């Protein structure tokens, strides 16, 4: 009876993919290319890898710290927020200049809450300088120091509802994976076009040589043409829908290679000067913990969930608009 049950289970068709997986499969056709969906058994072969990638994106977003308040009070009280901006006014400038924040505030739905949530991202930077440092009980001048600071602060996917923000971020993470694979496909297409051009040029050169007395040069270029044709066939084959689908399945089963978080810890004083962990007993020293995201462009971004007061964002946008108006009048 056990053997018959096992055979029956083996012959039983796999259940259809869930709604999220089906939607993600449709997204592949939109972002990677509709031709890919013509591969035999596309849904069958990609359902499990897509489901795996969606789970990875869910875990990635769940690993984001926060929500963390980002405002002038947090700048004074939260060491991480203090390190993220040079001054409290830089927080207002970020809010006032953010097109995502402007679009959010223009939507009447923003009135549903006094706060909104968004993904905050910034790039970690360091610079060398000479400054003052206490060594023992003596203050020394011109001491080599490394200063931590952040640039390109931005807000992504602002929404008044935190679950909605997280849902959009999960979708954006999956889209980022598909964009990475699409870039790989475009690189293959460029390689194919270059190979076609090289092969055509080599054929033309051989036609010229064929009209003269054949010699060693003709044999060299014949071998070169054969190598180019072989490479062209290989690249062209890799762009066929079935091979692209197989490559995408492998890609989605290892999403961490293209999109991942890495924990970072840095000990700094209130001026942003990086110190060793032995100095953490000092009252003006803090160890900052945050994750950095590696994405499509291979650059590192500090990322966290931010909570912003709507009134402060509205005041920031109004202030920036007023400055722009004054500039135009001048």
C-alpha atoms as a PDB file:
ATOM      1  CA  UNK A   1       0.000   0.000   0.000  1.00  0.00           C
ATOM      2  CA  UNK A   2       2.911   2.332   0.810  1.00  0.00           C
ATOM      3  CA  UNK A   3       4.488   1.686  -2.601  1.00  0.00           C
ATOM      4  CA  UNK A   4       1.209   2.402  -4.397  1.00  0.00           C
ATOM      5  CA  UNK A   5       0.792   5.628  -2.427  1.00  0.00           C
ATOM      6  CA  UNK A   6       4.321   6.678  -3.321  1.00  0.00           C
ATOM      7  CA  UNK A   7       3.704   5.991  -7.009  1.00  0.00           C
ATOM      8  CA  UNK A   8       0.405   7.867  -6.902  1.00  0.00           C
ATOM      9  CA  UNK A   9       2.104  10.817  -5.225  1.00  0.00           C
ATOM     10  CA  UNK A  10       4.850  10.803  -7.838  1.00  0.00           C
ATOM     11  CA  UNK A  11       2.355  10.791 -10.706  1.00  0.00           C
ATOM     12  CA  UNK A  12       0.185  13.482  -9.120  1.00  0.00           C
ATOM     13  CA  UNK A  13       0.644  16.817 -10.930  1.00  0.00           C
ATOM     14  CA  UNK A  14       2.335  19.626  -9.032  1.00  0.00           C
ATOM     15  CA  UNK A  15      -0.030  22.225  -7.565  1.00  0.00           C
ATOM     16  CA  UNK A  16      -0.284  25.460  -9.529  1.00  0.00           C
ATOM     17  CA  UNK A  17       1.882  28.354  -8.299  1.00  0.00           C
ATOM     18  CA  UNK A  18       0.369  30.712  -5.756  1.00  0.00           C
ATOM     19  CA  UNK A  19      -0.858  34.180  -6.688  1.00  0.00           C
ATOM     20  CA  UNK A  20       2.406  35.939  -5.726  1.00  0.00           C
ATOM     21  CA  UNK A  21       4.461  33.512  -7.811  1.00  0.00           C
ATOM     22  CA  UNK A  22       2.135  33.864 -10.803  1.00  0.00           C
ATOM     23  CA  UNK A  23       2.388  37.644 -10.589  1.00  0.00           C
ATOM     24  CA  UNK A  24       6.184  37.405 -10.398  1.00  0.00           C
ATOM     25  CA  UNK A  25       6.248  35.134 -13.461  1.00  0.00           C
ATOM     26  CA  UNK A  26       4.292  37.778 -15.355  1.00  0.00           C
ATOM     27  CA  UNK A  27       6.769  40.374 -14.142  1.00  0.00           C
ATOM     28  CA  UNK A  28       9.574  38.412 -15.799  1.00  0.00           C
ATOM     29  CA  UNK A  29       7.923  38.898 -19.171  1.00  0.00           C
ATOM     30  CA  UNK A  30       7.615  42.637 -18.517  1.00  0.00           C
ATOM     31  CA  UNK A  31      11.151  43.339 -17.266  1.00  0.00           C
ATOM     32  CA  UNK A  32      13.315  40.669 -18.910  1.00  0.00           C
ATOM     33  CA  UNK A  33      11.446  40.162 -22.171  1.00  0.00           C
ATOM     34  CA  UNK A  34       8.254  38.542 -23.469  1.00  0.00           C
ATOM     35  CA  UNK A  35      10.259  36.152 -25.679  1.00  0.00           C
ATOM     36  CA  UNK A  36      11.543  34.412 -22.565  1.00  0.00           C
ATOM     37  CA  UNK A  37       8.023  33.230 -21.730  1.00  0.00           C
ATOM     38  CA  UNK A  38       7.900  31.235 -24.978  1.00  0.00           C
ATOM     39  CA  UNK A  39      10.426  28.757 -23.533  1.00  0.00           C
ATOM     40  CA  UNK A  40       8.909  25.248 -23.221  1.00  0.00           C
ATOM     41  CA  UNK A  41       7.596  24.674 -19.697  1.00  0.00           C
ATOM     42  CA  UNK A  42       8.400  28.239 -18.642  1.00  0.00           C
ATOM     43  CA  UNK A  43       5.996  28.344 -15.685  1.00  0.00           C
ATOM     44  CA  UNK A  44       6.818  24.794 -14.620  1.00  0.00           C
ATOM     45  CA  UNK A  45      10.599  25.267 -14.557  1.00  0.00           C
ATOM     46  CA  UNK A  46      10.627  28.772 -13.071  1.00  0.00           C
ATOM     47  CA  UNK A  47       7.864  28.545 -10.457  1.00  0.00           C
ATOM     48  CA  UNK A  48      10.143  27.093  -7.753  1.00  0.00           C
ATOM     49  CA  UNK A  49      13.100  29.466  -8.406  1.00  0.00           C
ATOM     50  CA  UNK A  50      10.733  32.455  -8.445  1.00  0.00           C
ATOM     51  CA  UNK A  51       9.140  31.303  -5.179  1.00  0.00           C
ATOM     52  CA  UNK A  52      12.625  30.967  -3.669  1.00  0.00           C
ATOM     53  CA  UNK A  53      13.639  34.470  -4.825  1.00  0.00           C
ATOM     54  CA  UNK A  54      10.432  35.977  -3.441  1.00  0.00           C
ATOM     55  CA  UNK A  55      11.162  34.377  -0.076  1.00  0.00           C
ATOM     56  CA  UNK A  56      14.678  35.772  -0.178  1.00  0.00           C
ATOM     57  CA  UNK A  57      13.376  39.279  -0.908  1.00  0.00           C
ATOM     58  CA  UNK A  58      10.916  38.962   1.969  1.00  0.00           C
ATOM     59  CA  UNK A  59      13.757  38.033   4.331  1.00  0.00           C
ATOM     60  CA  UNK A  60      15.907  40.844   2.958  1.00  0.00           C
ATOM     61  CA  UNK A  61      13.254  43.463   3.737  1.00  0.00           C
ATOM     62  CA  UNK A  62      12.553  41.879   7.124  1.00  0.00           C
ATOM     63  CA  UNK A  63      16.245  42.350   7.946  1.00  0.00           C
ATOM     64  CA  UNK A  64      16.057  46.125   7.609  1.00  0.00           C
ATOM     65  CA  UNK A  65      16.380  47.972  10.942  1.00  0.00           C
ATOM     66  CA  UNK A  66      13.702  50.390  12.044  1.00  0.00           C
ATOM     67  CA  UNK A  67      11.452  52.178  11.621  1.00  0.00           C
ATOM     68  CA  UNK A  68      13.796  54.876  12.930  1.00  0.00           C
ATOM     69  CA  UNK A  69      12.593  58.441  13.422  1.00  0.00           C
ATOM     70  CA  UNK A  70      14.519  60.864  11.218  1.00  0.00           C
ATOM     71  CA  UNK A  71      13.965  64.458  12.309  1.00  0.00           C
ATOM     72  CA  UNK A  72      15.717  67.263  14.168  1.00  0.00           C
ATOM     73  CA  UNK A  73      15.066  65.658  17.571  1.00  0.00           C
ATOM     74  CA  UNK A  74      16.558  62.374  16.418  1.00  0.00           C
ATOM     75  CA  UNK A  75      19.570  64.262  15.078  1.00  0.00           C
ATOM     76  CA  UNK A  76      20.244  65.496  18.615  1.00  0.00           C
ATOM     77  CA  UNK A  77      19.470  62.241  20.430  1.00  0.00           C
ATOM     78  CA  UNK A  78      20.176  59.308  18.085  1.00  0.00           C
ATOM     79  CA  UNK A  79      23.902  58.744  17.349  1.00  0.00           C
ATOM     80  CA  UNK A  80      23.140  56.999  14.057  1.00  0.00           C
ATOM     81  CA  UNK A  81      20.916  59.802  12.754  1.00  0.00           C
ATOM     82  CA  UNK A  82      23.521  62.307  13.958  1.00  0.00           C
ATOM     83  CA  UNK A  83      26.139  60.492  11.864  1.00  0.00           C
ATOM     84  CA  UNK A  84      23.904  60.303   8.788  1.00  0.00           C
ATOM     85  CA  UNK A  85      23.641  64.085   8.402  1.00  0.00           C
ATOM     86  CA  UNK A  86      26.126  66.909   8.842  1.00  0.00           C
ATOM     87  CA  UNK A  87      23.478  69.208  10.369  1.00  0.00           C
ATOM     88  CA  UNK A  88      19.810  69.016  11.297  1.00  0.00           C
ATOM     89  CA  UNK A  89      19.080  71.350   8.396  1.00  0.00           C
ATOM     90  CA  UNK A  90      20.356  68.668   5.991  1.00  0.00           C
ATOM     91  CA  UNK A  91      17.404  66.505   7.051  1.00  0.00           C
ATOM     92  CA  UNK A  92      15.014  69.274   5.992  1.00  0.00           C
ATOM     93  CA  UNK A  93      16.872  69.708   2.718  1.00  0.00           C
ATOM     94  CA  UNK A  94      16.627  65.977   1.973  1.00  0.00           C
ATOM     95  CA  UNK A  95      12.883  66.026   2.650  1.00  0.00           C
ATOM     96  CA  UNK A  96      12.287  69.240   0.745  1.00  0.00           C
ATOM     97  CA  UNK A  97      14.174  68.164  -2.369  1.00  0.00           C
ATOM     98  CA  UNK A  98      12.919  64.565  -2.495  1.00  0.00           C
ATOM     99  CA  UNK A  99      10.617  64.047  -5.473  1.00  0.00           C
ATOM    100  CA  UNK A 100       9.267  60.874  -3.841  1.00  0.00           C
ATOM    101  CA  UNK A 101       8.253  62.881  -0.757  1.00  0.00           C
ATOM    102  CA  UNK A 102       6.723  65.619  -2.924  1.00  0.00           C
ATOM    103  CA  UNK A 103       4.660  63.072  -4.843  1.00  0.00           C
ATOM    104  CA  UNK A 104       3.531  61.455  -1.594  1.00  0.00           C
ATOM    105  CA  UNK A 105       2.447  64.764  -0.043  1.00  0.00           C
ATOM    106  CA  UNK A 106       0.553  65.690  -3.219  1.00  0.00           C
ATOM    107  CA  UNK A 107      -1.648  62.621  -2.757  1.00  0.00           C
ATOM    108  CA  UNK A 108      -4.655  63.282  -0.480  1.00  0.00           C
ATOM    109  CA  UNK A 109      -4.146  59.789   0.958  1.00  0.00           C
ATOM    110  CA  UNK A 110      -1.170  61.146   2.913  1.00  0.00           C
ATOM    111  CA  UNK A 111      -3.643  62.861   5.273  1.00  0.00           C
ATOM    112  CA  UNK A 112      -4.565  59.455   6.703  1.00  0.00           C
ATOM    113  CA  UNK A 113      -1.587  59.562   9.084  1.00  0.00           C
ATOM    114  CA  UNK A 114       0.618  62.108  10.817  1.00  0.00           C
ATOM    115  CA  UNK A 115       3.643  59.975   9.891  1.00  0.00           C
ATOM    116  CA  UNK A 116       4.849  58.118   6.848  1.00  0.00           C
ATOM    117  CA  UNK A 117       7.382  55.363   6.327  1.00  0.00           C
ATOM    118  CA  UNK A 118      10.040  54.952   3.674  1.00  0.00           C
ATOM    119  CA  UNK A 119      13.299  53.233   2.898  1.00  0.00           C
ATOM    120  CA  UNK A 120      16.190  55.533   3.770  1.00  0.00           C
ATOM    121  CA  UNK A 121      19.421  54.994   1.832  1.00  0.00           C
ATOM    122  CA  UNK A 122      22.784  56.741   1.931  1.00  0.00           C
ATOM    123  CA  UNK A 123      26.344  56.062   0.841  1.00  0.00           C
ATOM    124  CA  UNK A 124      29.035  55.657   3.488  1.00  0.00           C
ATOM    125  CA  UNK A 125      32.131  57.778   2.885  1.00  0.00           C
ATOM    126  CA  UNK A 126      35.432  58.353   4.676  1.00  0.00           C
ATOM    127  CA  UNK A 127      38.034  61.070   4.473  1.00  0.00           C
ATOM    128  CA  UNK A 128      41.454  61.617   6.008  1.00  0.00           C
ATOM    129  CA  UNK A 129      42.252  64.761   7.906  1.00  0.00           C
ATOM    130  CA  UNK A 130      44.512  66.212  10.596  1.00  0.00           C
ATOM    131  CA  UNK A 131      42.791  67.233  13.829  1.00  0.00           C
ATOM    132  CA  UNK A 132      42.895  67.474  17.586  1.00  0.00           C
ATOM    133  CA  UNK A 133      43.048  64.302  19.662  1.00  0.00           C
ATOM    134  CA  UNK A 134      43.372  63.514  23.334  1.00  0.00           C
ATOM    135  CA  UNK A 135      46.227  61.120  24.042  1.00  0.00           C
ATOM    136  CA  UNK A 136      46.304  60.388  27.737  1.00  0.00           C
ATOM    137  CA  UNK A 137      45.729  63.756  29.375  1.00  0.00           C
ATOM    138  CA  UNK A 138      47.416  65.761  26.615  1.00  0.00           C
ATOM    139  CA  UNK A 139      45.694  67.314  23.576  1.00  0.00           C
ATOM    140  CA  UNK A 140      47.759  66.935  20.413  1.00  0.00           C
ATOM    141  CA  UNK A 141      47.463  68.903  17.171  1.00  0.00           C
ATOM    142  CA  UNK A 142      47.669  67.590  13.611  1.00  0.00           C
ATOM    143  CA  UNK A 143      46.787  64.006  14.549  1.00  0.00           C
ATOM    144  CA  UNK A 144      45.865  61.858  11.490  1.00  0.00           C
ATOM    145  CA  UNK A 145      42.168  61.004  11.661  1.00  0.00           C
ATOM    146  CA  UNK A 146      39.589  59.181   9.546  1.00  0.00           C
ATOM    147  CA  UNK A 147      36.176  60.834   9.488  1.00  0.00           C
ATOM    148  CA  UNK A 148      32.948  58.972   8.708  1.00  0.00           C
ATOM    149  CA  UNK A 149      30.249  60.785   6.774  1.00  0.00           C
ATOM    150  CA  UNK A 150      27.370  59.931   4.443  1.00  0.00           C
ATOM    151  CA  UNK A 151      26.265  61.239   1.055  1.00  0.00           C
ATOM    152  CA  UNK A 152      23.390  60.801  -1.430  1.00  0.00           C
ATOM    153  CA  UNK A 153      20.765  60.543   1.311  1.00  0.00           C
ATOM    154  CA  UNK A 154      17.438  59.600  -0.234  1.00  0.00           C
ATOM    155  CA  UNK A 155      13.999  58.215   0.610  1.00  0.00           C
ATOM    156  CA  UNK A 156      12.302  55.457  -1.384  1.00  0.00           C
ATOM    157  CA  UNK A 157       8.686  54.226  -1.422  1.00  0.00           C
ATOM    158  CA  UNK A 158       7.056  56.582   1.119  1.00  0.00           C
ATOM    159  CA  UNK A 159       3.669  55.366   2.384  1.00  0.00           C
ATOM    160  CA  UNK A 160       1.573  56.171   5.430  1.00  0.00           C
ATOM    161  CA  UNK A 161       1.071  52.462   6.114  1.00  0.00           C
ATOM    162  CA  UNK A 162       4.142  50.446   7.175  1.00  0.00           C
ATOM    163  CA  UNK A 163       2.922  47.083   5.774  1.00  0.00           C
ATOM    164  CA  UNK A 164       2.291  48.785   2.415  1.00  0.00           C
ATOM    165  CA  UNK A 165       5.815  50.202   2.457  1.00  0.00           C
ATOM    166  CA  UNK A 166       7.260  46.759   3.185  1.00  0.00           C
ATOM    167  CA  UNK A 167       5.159  45.200   0.425  1.00  0.00           C
ATOM    168  CA  UNK A 168       6.429  47.716  -2.133  1.00  0.00           C
ATOM    169  CA  UNK A 169      10.018  47.199  -0.981  1.00  0.00           C
ATOM    170  CA  UNK A 170       9.712  43.426  -1.424  1.00  0.00           C
ATOM    171  CA  UNK A 171       8.402  43.977  -4.945  1.00  0.00           C
ATOM    172  CA  UNK A 172      11.220  46.438  -5.654  1.00  0.00           C
ATOM    173  CA  UNK A 173      13.807  43.930  -4.433  1.00  0.00           C
ATOM    174  CA  UNK A 174      12.474  41.277  -6.816  1.00  0.00           C
ATOM    175  CA  UNK A 175      12.391  43.813  -9.653  1.00  0.00           C
ATOM    176  CA  UNK A 176      16.026  44.637  -8.893  1.00  0.00           C
ATOM    177  CA  UNK A 177      16.927  40.974  -9.401  1.00  0.00           C
ATOM    178  CA  UNK A 178      15.127  40.929 -12.739  1.00  0.00           C
ATOM    179  CA  UNK A 179      16.845  44.142 -13.826  1.00  0.00           C
ATOM    180  CA  UNK A 180      20.196  42.536 -12.994  1.00  0.00           C
ATOM    181  CA  UNK A 181      19.372  39.518 -15.147  1.00  0.00           C
ATOM    182  CA  UNK A 182      18.106  41.790 -17.926  1.00  0.00           C
ATOM    183  CA  UNK A 183      21.480  43.575 -17.872  1.00  0.00           C
ATOM    184  CA  UNK A 184      23.130  40.165 -18.307  1.00  0.00           C
ATOM    185  CA  UNK A 185      20.879  39.450 -21.318  1.00  0.00           C
ATOM    186  CA  UNK A 186      21.714  42.829 -22.844  1.00  0.00           C
ATOM    187  CA  UNK A 187      25.425  42.109 -22.381  1.00  0.00           C
ATOM    188  CA  UNK A 188      24.972  38.803 -24.238  1.00  0.00           C
ATOM    189  CA  UNK A 189      23.165  40.572 -27.073  1.00  0.00           C
ATOM    190  CA  UNK A 190      25.972  43.105 -27.343  1.00  0.00           C
ATOM    191  CA  UNK A 191      28.515  40.275 -27.363  1.00  0.00           C
ATOM    192  CA  UNK A 192      26.547  38.538 -30.135  1.00  0.00           C
ATOM    193  CA  UNK A 193      26.427  41.713 -32.244  1.00  0.00           C
ATOM    194  CA  UNK A 194      30.161  42.280 -31.816  1.00  0.00           C
ATOM    195  CA  UNK A 195      30.858  38.659 -32.759  1.00  0.00           C
ATOM    196  CA  UNK A 196      28.706  39.054 -35.880  1.00  0.00           C
ATOM    197  CA  UNK A 197      30.645  42.148 -36.878  1.00  0.00           C
ATOM    198  CA  UNK A 198      34.024  40.483 -36.278  1.00  0.00           C
ATOM    199  CA  UNK A 199      32.959  37.414 -38.234  1.00  0.00           C
ATOM    200  CA  UNK A 200      31.710  39.527 -41.152  1.00  0.00           C
ATOM    201  CA  UNK A 201      34.957  41.515 -41.226  1.00  0.00           C
ATOM    202  CA  UNK A 202      36.998  38.309 -41.169  1.00  0.00           C
ATOM    203  CA  UNK A 203      34.990  36.871 -44.078  1.00  0.00           C
ATOM    204  CA  UNK A 204      35.587  40.008 -46.111  1.00  0.00           C
ATOM    205  CA  UNK A 205      39.300  39.841 -45.396  1.00  0.00           C
ATOM    206  CA  UNK A 206      39.404  36.165 -46.421  1.00  0.00           C
ATOM    207  CA  UNK A 207      37.612  36.981 -49.691  1.00  0.00           C
ATOM    208  CA  UNK A 208      40.408  39.419 -50.508  1.00  0.00           C
ATOM    209  CA  UNK A 209      43.094  36.893 -49.580  1.00  0.00           C
ATOM    210  CA  UNK A 210      41.362  34.192 -51.616  1.00  0.00           C
ATOM    211  CA  UNK A 211      41.922  36.229 -54.752  1.00  0.00           C
ATOM    212  CA  UNK A 212      45.681  36.154 -54.234  1.00  0.00           C
ATOM    213  CA  UNK A 213      48.057  33.245 -53.883  1.00  0.00           C
ATOM    214  CA  UNK A 214      47.028  31.265 -50.738  1.00  0.00           C
ATOM    215  CA  UNK A 215      49.700  31.332 -48.075  1.00  0.00           C
ATOM    216  CA  UNK A 216      50.191  31.138 -44.301  1.00  0.00           C
ATOM    217  CA  UNK A 217      48.157  34.323 -43.722  1.00  0.00           C
ATOM    218  CA  UNK A 218      45.133  32.718 -45.396  1.00  0.00           C
ATOM    219  CA  UNK A 219      45.356  29.692 -43.077  1.00  0.00           C
ATOM    220  CA  UNK A 220      45.659  31.932 -39.998  1.00  0.00           C
ATOM    221  CA  UNK A 221      42.563  33.916 -40.913  1.00  0.00           C
ATOM    222  CA  UNK A 222      40.646  30.741 -41.768  1.00  0.00           C
ATOM    223  CA  UNK A 223      41.266  29.413 -38.261  1.00  0.00           C
ATOM    224  CA  UNK A 224      40.322  32.798 -36.820  1.00  0.00           C
ATOM    225  CA  UNK A 225      37.026  32.770 -38.731  1.00  0.00           C
ATOM    226  CA  UNK A 226      36.250  29.282 -37.464  1.00  0.00           C
ATOM    227  CA  UNK A 227      36.856  30.435 -33.875  1.00  0.00           C
ATOM    228  CA  UNK A 228      34.641  33.480 -34.357  1.00  0.00           C
ATOM    229  CA  UNK A 229      31.843  31.399 -35.871  1.00  0.00           C
ATOM    230  CA  UNK A 230      32.017  28.918 -32.982  1.00  0.00           C
ATOM    231  CA  UNK A 231      31.839  31.724 -30.438  1.00  0.00           C
ATOM    232  CA  UNK A 232      28.956  33.351 -32.313  1.00  0.00           C
ATOM    233  CA  UNK A 233      26.979  30.106 -32.307  1.00  0.00           C
ATOM    234  CA  UNK A 234      27.561  29.674 -28.577  1.00  0.00           C
ATOM    235  CA  UNK A 235      26.434  33.193 -27.718  1.00  0.00           C
ATOM    236  CA  UNK A 236      23.431  32.977 -30.056  1.00  0.00           C
ATOM    237  CA  UNK A 237      22.423  29.667 -28.463  1.00  0.00           C
ATOM    238  CA  UNK A 238      22.634  31.201 -24.971  1.00  0.00           C
ATOM    239  CA  UNK A 239      20.061  33.788 -26.076  1.00  0.00           C
ATOM    240  CA  UNK A 240      17.491  31.170 -27.060  1.00  0.00           C
ATOM    241  CA  UNK A 241      14.418  31.218 -24.783  1.00  0.00           C
ATOM    242  CA  UNK A 242      15.040  27.751 -23.310  1.00  0.00           C
ATOM    243  CA  UNK A 243      18.640  28.528 -22.354  1.00  0.00           C
ATOM    244  CA  UNK A 244      17.701  31.946 -20.990  1.00  0.00           C
ATOM    245  CA  UNK A 245      14.985  30.359 -18.865  1.00  0.00           C
ATOM    246  CA  UNK A 246      17.469  27.836 -17.470  1.00  0.00           C
ATOM    247  CA  UNK A 247      19.980  30.606 -16.751  1.00  0.00           C
ATOM    248  CA  UNK A 248      17.295  32.698 -15.035  1.00  0.00           C
ATOM    249  CA  UNK A 249      16.277  29.726 -12.889  1.00  0.00           C
ATOM    250  CA  UNK A 250      19.878  29.330 -11.694  1.00  0.00           C
ATOM    251  CA  UNK A 251      20.117  33.083 -11.116  1.00  0.00           C
ATOM    252  CA  UNK A 252      16.953  33.217  -8.991  1.00  0.00           C
ATOM    253  CA  UNK A 253      18.100  30.255  -6.892  1.00  0.00           C
ATOM    254  CA  UNK A 254      21.149  32.282  -5.793  1.00  0.00           C
ATOM    255  CA  UNK A 255      19.757  35.824  -5.404  1.00  0.00           C
ATOM    256  CA  UNK A 256      22.272  36.690  -2.701  1.00  0.00           C
ATOM    257  CA  UNK A 257      24.974  36.951  -5.370  1.00  0.00           C
ATOM    258  CA  UNK A 258      23.236  40.035  -6.819  1.00  0.00           C
ATOM    259  CA  UNK A 259      21.393  41.540  -3.852  1.00  0.00           C
ATOM    260  CA  UNK A 260      22.406  41.190  -0.231  1.00  0.00           C
ATOM    261  CA  UNK A 261      22.762  42.955   3.099  1.00  0.00           C
ATOM    262  CA  UNK A 262      26.032  43.100   5.015  1.00  0.00           C
ATOM    263  CA  UNK A 263      26.153  44.160   8.686  1.00  0.00           C
ATOM    264  CA  UNK A 264      28.546  47.014   9.492  1.00  0.00           C
ATOM    265  CA  UNK A 265      29.752  48.350  12.838  1.00  0.00           C
ATOM    266  CA  UNK A 266      31.721  51.593  13.152  1.00  0.00           C
ATOM    267  CA  UNK A 267      32.825  53.346  16.339  1.00  0.00           C
ATOM    268  CA  UNK A 268      32.859  57.139  16.101  1.00  0.00           C
ATOM    269  CA  UNK A 269      32.805  60.195  18.338  1.00  0.00           C
ATOM    270  CA  UNK A 270      30.250  62.988  17.983  1.00  0.00           C
ATOM    271  CA  UNK A 271      32.443  64.661  15.347  1.00  0.00           C
ATOM    272  CA  UNK A 272      32.382  61.532  13.195  1.00  0.00           C
ATOM    273  CA  UNK A 273      36.011  60.611  13.822  1.00  0.00           C
ATOM    274  CA  UNK A 274      36.457  56.841  13.661  1.00  0.00           C
ATOM    275  CA  UNK A 275      38.009  55.376  16.796  1.00  0.00           C
ATOM    276  CA  UNK A 276      38.864  51.879  17.966  1.00  0.00           C
ATOM    277  CA  UNK A 277      36.437  49.883  20.073  1.00  0.00           C
ATOM    278  CA  UNK A 278      38.676  50.287  23.137  1.00  0.00           C
ATOM    279  CA  UNK A 279      37.505  53.885  23.278  1.00  0.00           C
ATOM    280  CA  UNK A 280      33.819  53.007  23.650  1.00  0.00           C
ATOM    281  CA  UNK A 281      33.990  53.764  27.384  1.00  0.00           C
ATOM    282  CA  UNK A 282      34.276  57.460  26.539  1.00  0.00           C
ATOM    283  CA  UNK A 283      31.038  59.385  26.920  1.00  0.00           C
ATOM    284  CA  UNK A 284      31.237  61.003  23.477  1.00  0.00           C
ATOM    285  CA  UNK A 285      31.869  57.764  21.572  1.00  0.00           C
ATOM    286  CA  UNK A 286      29.229  55.463  20.044  1.00  0.00           C
ATOM    287  CA  UNK A 287      29.340  52.248  18.041  1.00  0.00           C
ATOM    288  CA  UNK A 288      26.968  52.466  15.103  1.00  0.00           C
ATOM    289  CA  UNK A 289      25.376  49.305  13.744  1.00  0.00           C
ATOM    290  CA  UNK A 290      23.687  49.313  10.336  1.00  0.00           C
ATOM    291  CA  UNK A 291      23.350  47.114   7.244  1.00  0.00           C
ATOM    292  CA  UNK A 292      24.733  47.980   3.825  1.00  0.00           C
ATOM    293  CA  UNK A 293      22.969  46.842   0.684  1.00  0.00           C
ATOM    294  CA  UNK A 294      24.829  45.715  -2.432  1.00  0.00           C
ATOM    295  CA  UNK A 295      22.636  46.014  -5.511  1.00  0.00           C
ATOM    296  CA  UNK A 296      22.823  46.153  -9.288  1.00  0.00           C
ATOM    297  CA  UNK A 297      25.441  48.887  -9.502  1.00  0.00           C
ATOM    298  CA  UNK A 298      27.674  47.080  -6.951  1.00  0.00           C
ATOM    299  CA  UNK A 299      27.827  50.204  -4.808  1.00  0.00           C
ATOM    300  CA  UNK A 300      27.150  49.969  -1.085  1.00  0.00           C
ATOM    301  CA  UNK A 301      24.211  51.781   0.487  1.00  0.00           C
ATOM    302  CA  UNK A 302      23.299  52.052   4.135  1.00  0.00           C
ATOM    303  CA  UNK A 303      19.622  51.141   4.306  1.00  0.00           C
ATOM    304  CA  UNK A 304      17.013  51.317   7.053  1.00  0.00           C
ATOM    305  CA  UNK A 305      13.315  51.943   7.523  1.00  0.00           C
ATOM    306  CA  UNK A 306      12.592  55.567   8.374  1.00  0.00           C
ATOM    307  CA  UNK A 307       9.569  57.191   9.981  1.00  0.00           C
ATOM    308  CA  UNK A 308       8.979  60.827   9.046  1.00  0.00           C
ATOM    309  CA  UNK A 309       6.507  63.348  10.463  1.00  0.00           C
ATOM    310  CA  UNK A 310       4.214  64.557   7.710  1.00  0.00           C
ATOM    311  CA  UNK A 311       4.135  68.105   9.107  1.00  0.00           C
ATOM    312  CA  UNK A 312       7.920  68.322   9.102  1.00  0.00           C
ATOM    313  CA  UNK A 313       8.075  67.039   5.529  1.00  0.00           C
ATOM    314  CA  UNK A 314       5.444  69.567   4.430  1.00  0.00           C
ATOM    315  CA  UNK A 315       7.376  72.394   6.110  1.00  0.00           C
ATOM    316  CA  UNK A 316      10.583  71.226   4.444  1.00  0.00           C
ATOM    317  CA  UNK A 317       8.984  71.175   0.984  1.00  0.00           C
ATOM    318  CA  UNK A 318       7.480  74.624   1.561  1.00  0.00           C
ATOM    319  CA  UNK A 319      10.879  75.966   2.683  1.00  0.00           C
ATOM    320  CA  UNK A 320      12.652  74.616  -0.403  1.00  0.00           C
ATOM    321  CA  UNK A 321       9.916  75.978  -2.667  1.00  0.00           C
ATOM    322  CA  UNK A 322      10.261  79.375  -1.028  1.00  0.00           C
ATOM    323  CA  UNK A 323      14.038  79.359  -1.554  1.00  0.00           C
ATOM    324  CA  UNK A 324      13.570  78.434  -5.211  1.00  0.00           C
ATOM    325  CA  UNK A 325      11.030  81.233  -5.634  1.00  0.00           C
ATOM    326  CA  UNK A 326      13.406  83.759  -4.056  1.00  0.00           C
ATOM    327  CA  UNK A 327      16.216  82.563  -6.315  1.00  0.00           C
ATOM    328  CA  UNK A 328      14.056  82.994  -9.405  1.00  0.00           C
ATOM    329  CA  UNK A 329      13.129  86.551  -8.372  1.00  0.00           C
ATOM    330  CA  UNK A 330      16.762  87.457  -7.836  1.00  0.00           C
END
